[in-house]
Each structure stands twice: as structure tokens, then as C-alpha cells.
Amino acid sequence: MPVAVINRELARRFTNGETRLELTESAGADSIRGVIRALEALYPGIGPELRTGMAVAVDGEIFQGAALKKVSLDAEVCFLPSIEAG
């Protein structure tokens, strides 16, 4: 089952401090979009936070704007605040 990793700020606001969140196989988390949907079902309000201003790393490879990127059942999906250059 995929594991989602979120930052401490989101964890404090939505998951009672948990930063590593295991998703069940039945959650439909077979893509990044599916992971976000599954997390939203478990933690209402977190979805919009994950959809905007976040980069996503799947098993250590960083993606931006890859909502349809496939996620394996044993993947680690990390949501990282995007860094803006200036």
C-alpha cells in the first residue's frame, strides 16, 4: 500500500501530527491524483492544500504537475512545498 508523506505544518492542521500516512489498497491510490483523493477522504480539507503549491516526489523522483503519474502499491509519495526561484 502506498505511503504518503506530508510536511509538519499540514500534519498539525489535518492529521493530528502524523507525517507518514499509509493508504489501503482499496483507497484507489494508483496515481498521484488518486493518492490526493484518498487523503482527502481520510482528512477533509487536505486535498486543496496538496493540489496547489506542492511538488511531489514518488520514490525519490520529483515531479511537478503530474497528477496522472502512476503510483505502485509500495510507493512512497512525498508532498513537498514548491520552491520558487527569484
N, C-alpha and C. Protein backbone atom coordinates (compact mmCIF):
# COMPACT_ATOMS: atom_id res chain seq x y z
N MET A 1 0.83 -1.18 0.00
CA MET A 1 0.00 0.00 0.00
C MET A 1 0.87 1.24 0.00
N PRO A 2 0.50 2.25 -0.78
CA PRO A 2 1.31 3.46 -0.84
C PRO A 2 1.38 4.17 0.52
N VAL A 3 2.48 4.84 0.72
CA VAL A 3 2.66 5.66 1.91
C VAL A 3 2.80 7.10 1.42
N ALA A 4 2.01 7.99 1.99
CA ALA A 4 2.11 9.42 1.67
C ALA A 4 2.85 10.09 2.82
N VAL A 5 3.74 11.01 2.46
CA VAL A 5 4.49 11.76 3.46
C VAL A 5 4.18 13.24 3.26
N ILE A 6 3.77 13.90 4.33
CA ILE A 6 3.44 15.32 4.27
C ILE A 6 4.31 16.08 5.26
N ASN A 7 4.36 17.40 5.09
CA ASN A 7 5.18 18.21 5.99
C ASN A 7 4.49 18.42 7.34
N ARG A 8 5.25 18.87 8.30
CA ARG A 8 4.73 19.02 9.67
C ARG A 8 3.58 20.03 9.77
N GLU A 9 3.64 21.08 8.98
CA GLU A 9 2.57 22.08 9.03
C GLU A 9 1.23 21.45 8.65
N LEU A 10 1.20 20.72 7.53
CA LEU A 10 -0.04 20.05 7.13
C LEU A 10 -0.43 18.98 8.14
N ALA A 11 0.56 18.28 8.67
CA ALA A 11 0.28 17.24 9.67
C ALA A 11 -0.39 17.84 10.90
N ARG A 12 0.08 18.98 11.35
CA ARG A 12 -0.55 19.62 12.52
C ARG A 12 -1.98 20.03 12.21
N ARG A 13 -2.22 20.53 11.01
CA ARG A 13 -3.55 21.03 10.65
C ARG A 13 -4.56 19.94 10.35
N PHE A 14 -4.09 18.80 9.79
CA PHE A 14 -5.05 17.83 9.27
C PHE A 14 -4.96 16.42 9.86
N THR A 15 -3.80 15.97 10.29
CA THR A 15 -3.63 14.55 10.63
C THR A 15 -3.20 14.31 12.06
N ASN A 16 -3.44 15.26 12.92
CA ASN A 16 -3.07 15.11 14.33
C ASN A 16 -1.58 14.85 14.49
N GLY A 17 -0.78 15.46 13.63
CA GLY A 17 0.67 15.38 13.73
C GLY A 17 1.33 14.25 12.98
N GLU A 18 0.56 13.36 12.38
CA GLU A 18 1.15 12.23 11.64
C GLU A 18 1.68 12.72 10.29
N THR A 19 2.94 12.44 10.00
CA THR A 19 3.53 12.85 8.73
C THR A 19 3.62 11.70 7.72
N ARG A 20 3.61 10.45 8.18
CA ARG A 20 3.62 9.28 7.30
C ARG A 20 2.25 8.62 7.36
N LEU A 21 1.58 8.58 6.23
CA LEU A 21 0.19 8.13 6.17
C LEU A 21 0.08 6.94 5.23
N GLU A 22 -0.23 5.76 5.78
CA GLU A 22 -0.40 4.56 4.95
C GLU A 22 -1.81 4.53 4.38
N LEU A 23 -1.88 4.24 3.09
CA LEU A 23 -3.17 4.14 2.41
C LEU A 23 -3.47 2.67 2.12
N THR A 24 -4.72 2.31 2.22
CA THR A 24 -5.10 0.92 1.95
C THR A 24 -5.18 0.69 0.44
N GLU A 25 -5.09 -0.56 0.04
CA GLU A 25 -5.19 -0.90 -1.38
C GLU A 25 -6.54 -0.50 -1.96
N SER A 26 -7.57 -0.50 -1.14
CA SER A 26 -8.91 -0.17 -1.63
C SER A 26 -9.14 1.33 -1.76
N ALA A 27 -8.14 2.13 -1.43
CA ALA A 27 -8.30 3.59 -1.45
C ALA A 27 -8.29 4.16 -2.87
N GLY A 28 -7.91 3.36 -3.87
CA GLY A 28 -7.85 3.86 -5.24
C GLY A 28 -6.66 4.76 -5.49
N ALA A 29 -5.59 4.57 -4.74
CA ALA A 29 -4.41 5.43 -4.83
C ALA A 29 -3.41 4.87 -5.84
N ASP A 30 -3.83 4.79 -7.12
CA ASP A 30 -2.95 4.25 -8.15
C ASP A 30 -2.29 5.33 -8.99
N SER A 31 -2.55 6.60 -8.64
CA SER A 31 -1.92 7.75 -9.29
C SER A 31 -1.78 8.83 -8.22
N ILE A 32 -1.04 9.87 -8.55
CA ILE A 32 -0.90 10.96 -7.59
C ILE A 32 -2.28 11.56 -7.29
N ARG A 33 -3.09 11.73 -8.32
CA ARG A 33 -4.45 12.23 -8.12
C ARG A 33 -5.23 11.31 -7.18
N GLY A 34 -5.08 10.00 -7.37
CA GLY A 34 -5.75 9.04 -6.51
C GLY A 34 -5.27 9.11 -5.07
N VAL A 35 -3.98 9.33 -4.88
CA VAL A 35 -3.43 9.49 -3.52
C VAL A 35 -4.05 10.71 -2.85
N ILE A 36 -4.13 11.81 -3.59
CA ILE A 36 -4.72 13.03 -3.03
C ILE A 36 -6.19 12.80 -2.69
N ARG A 37 -6.91 12.13 -3.58
CA ARG A 37 -8.33 11.82 -3.31
C ARG A 37 -8.48 10.96 -2.06
N ALA A 38 -7.63 9.95 -1.93
CA ALA A 38 -7.69 9.06 -0.76
C ALA A 38 -7.38 9.84 0.52
N LEU A 39 -6.40 10.73 0.47
CA LEU A 39 -6.06 11.54 1.65
C LEU A 39 -7.19 12.50 1.99
N GLU A 40 -7.82 13.07 0.98
CA GLU A 40 -8.95 13.98 1.21
C GLU A 40 -10.11 13.24 1.88
N ALA A 41 -10.33 11.98 1.49
CA ALA A 41 -11.41 11.20 2.11
C ALA A 41 -11.11 10.94 3.59
N LEU A 42 -9.85 10.73 3.91
CA LEU A 42 -9.46 10.47 5.30
C LEU A 42 -9.33 11.74 6.13
N TYR A 43 -8.86 12.82 5.48
CA TYR A 43 -8.57 14.07 6.18
C TYR A 43 -9.19 15.23 5.40
N PRO A 44 -10.49 15.47 5.58
CA PRO A 44 -11.18 16.51 4.81
C PRO A 44 -10.46 17.86 4.89
N GLY A 45 -10.31 18.47 3.72
CA GLY A 45 -9.67 19.77 3.63
C GLY A 45 -8.22 19.71 3.19
N ILE A 46 -7.59 18.54 3.26
CA ILE A 46 -6.18 18.45 2.89
C ILE A 46 -5.97 18.46 1.38
N GLY A 47 -6.96 17.99 0.62
CA GLY A 47 -6.83 17.89 -0.83
C GLY A 47 -6.42 19.18 -1.52
N PRO A 48 -7.14 20.28 -1.30
CA PRO A 48 -6.76 21.53 -1.95
C PRO A 48 -5.34 21.98 -1.58
N GLU A 49 -4.91 21.70 -0.37
CA GLU A 49 -3.56 22.06 0.05
C GLU A 49 -2.51 21.27 -0.73
N LEU A 50 -2.81 20.01 -1.01
CA LEU A 50 -1.86 19.16 -1.73
C LEU A 50 -1.86 19.44 -3.23
N ARG A 51 -2.98 19.94 -3.75
CA ARG A 51 -3.09 20.20 -5.19
C ARG A 51 -2.39 21.50 -5.60
N THR A 52 -2.24 22.44 -4.68
CA THR A 52 -1.66 23.74 -5.04
C THR A 52 -0.38 23.98 -4.26
N GLY A 53 0.62 24.46 -4.94
CA GLY A 53 1.85 24.85 -4.27
C GLY A 53 2.71 23.69 -3.79
N MET A 54 2.48 22.49 -4.32
CA MET A 54 3.25 21.33 -3.88
C MET A 54 3.91 20.64 -5.07
N ALA A 55 5.14 20.24 -4.85
CA ALA A 55 5.79 19.31 -5.76
C ALA A 55 5.58 17.93 -5.15
N VAL A 56 5.74 16.91 -5.96
CA VAL A 56 5.52 15.55 -5.48
C VAL A 56 6.74 14.71 -5.85
N ALA A 57 7.23 13.95 -4.89
CA ALA A 57 8.31 13.00 -5.16
C ALA A 57 7.73 11.59 -4.98
N VAL A 58 7.91 10.78 -6.01
CA VAL A 58 7.48 9.39 -5.95
C VAL A 58 8.74 8.54 -5.93
N ASP A 59 8.93 7.85 -4.82
CA ASP A 59 10.13 7.02 -4.63
C ASP A 59 11.41 7.81 -4.93
N GLY A 60 11.44 9.06 -4.48
CA GLY A 60 12.63 9.90 -4.59
C GLY A 60 12.76 10.71 -5.86
N GLU A 61 11.89 10.51 -6.84
CA GLU A 61 11.94 11.28 -8.08
C GLU A 61 10.88 12.38 -8.03
N ILE A 62 11.31 13.64 -8.21
CA ILE A 62 10.42 14.79 -8.05
C ILE A 62 9.68 15.08 -9.36
N PHE A 63 8.37 15.34 -9.21
CA PHE A 63 7.51 15.68 -10.33
C PHE A 63 6.75 16.96 -10.00
N GLN A 64 6.46 17.77 -11.02
CA GLN A 64 5.59 18.93 -10.85
C GLN A 64 4.45 18.78 -11.85
N GLY A 65 3.24 18.99 -11.41
CA GLY A 65 2.09 18.91 -12.29
C GLY A 65 1.88 17.53 -12.89
N ALA A 66 2.09 16.49 -12.11
CA ALA A 66 1.98 15.12 -12.62
C ALA A 66 0.84 14.37 -11.95
N ALA A 67 -0.35 14.93 -11.95
CA ALA A 67 -1.48 14.32 -11.25
C ALA A 67 -1.80 12.92 -11.74
N LEU A 68 -1.52 12.63 -12.99
CA LEU A 68 -1.85 11.32 -13.55
C LEU A 68 -0.69 10.33 -13.47
N LYS A 69 0.42 10.73 -12.89
CA LYS A 69 1.57 9.84 -12.73
C LYS A 69 1.14 8.61 -11.94
N LYS A 70 1.41 7.42 -12.50
CA LYS A 70 1.05 6.17 -11.85
C LYS A 70 1.89 5.96 -10.59
N VAL A 71 1.27 5.34 -9.59
CA VAL A 71 1.91 5.09 -8.30
C VAL A 71 1.75 3.59 -8.01
N SER A 72 2.86 2.92 -7.72
CA SER A 72 2.78 1.50 -7.40
C SER A 72 2.27 1.29 -5.98
N LEU A 73 1.86 0.06 -5.68
CA LEU A 73 1.29 -0.24 -4.37
C LEU A 73 2.29 -0.06 -3.23
N ASP A 74 3.59 -0.14 -3.53
CA ASP A 74 4.58 0.02 -2.47
C ASP A 74 5.34 1.35 -2.56
N ALA A 75 4.76 2.31 -3.26
CA ALA A 75 5.41 3.60 -3.46
C ALA A 75 5.38 4.48 -2.21
N GLU A 76 6.38 5.34 -2.13
CA GLU A 76 6.38 6.41 -1.13
C GLU A 76 6.16 7.71 -1.89
N VAL A 77 5.08 8.40 -1.56
CA VAL A 77 4.70 9.64 -2.24
C VAL A 77 4.87 10.79 -1.25
N CYS A 78 5.86 11.65 -1.53
CA CYS A 78 6.14 12.77 -0.63
C CYS A 78 5.63 14.06 -1.25
N PHE A 79 4.88 14.82 -0.47
CA PHE A 79 4.38 16.12 -0.91
C PHE A 79 5.29 17.19 -0.31
N LEU A 80 5.90 17.97 -1.20
CA LEU A 80 6.91 18.96 -0.80
C LEU A 80 6.47 20.35 -1.21
N PRO A 81 6.59 21.33 -0.33
CA PRO A 81 6.25 22.70 -0.74
C PRO A 81 7.14 23.10 -1.90
N SER A 82 6.53 23.65 -2.94
CA SER A 82 7.31 24.11 -4.11
C SER A 82 8.22 25.26 -3.71
N ILE A 83 9.38 25.26 -4.28
CA ILE A 83 10.35 26.34 -4.04
C ILE A 83 10.34 27.23 -5.25
N GLU A 84 10.09 28.51 -5.03
CA GLU A 84 10.07 29.44 -6.15
C GLU A 84 11.40 30.16 -6.24
N ALA A 85 11.90 30.23 -7.46
CA ALA A 85 13.17 30.95 -7.67
C ALA A 85 12.86 32.42 -7.88
N GLY A 86 13.78 33.24 -7.53
CA GLY A 86 13.51 34.65 -7.71
C GLY A 86 14.68 35.44 -7.76
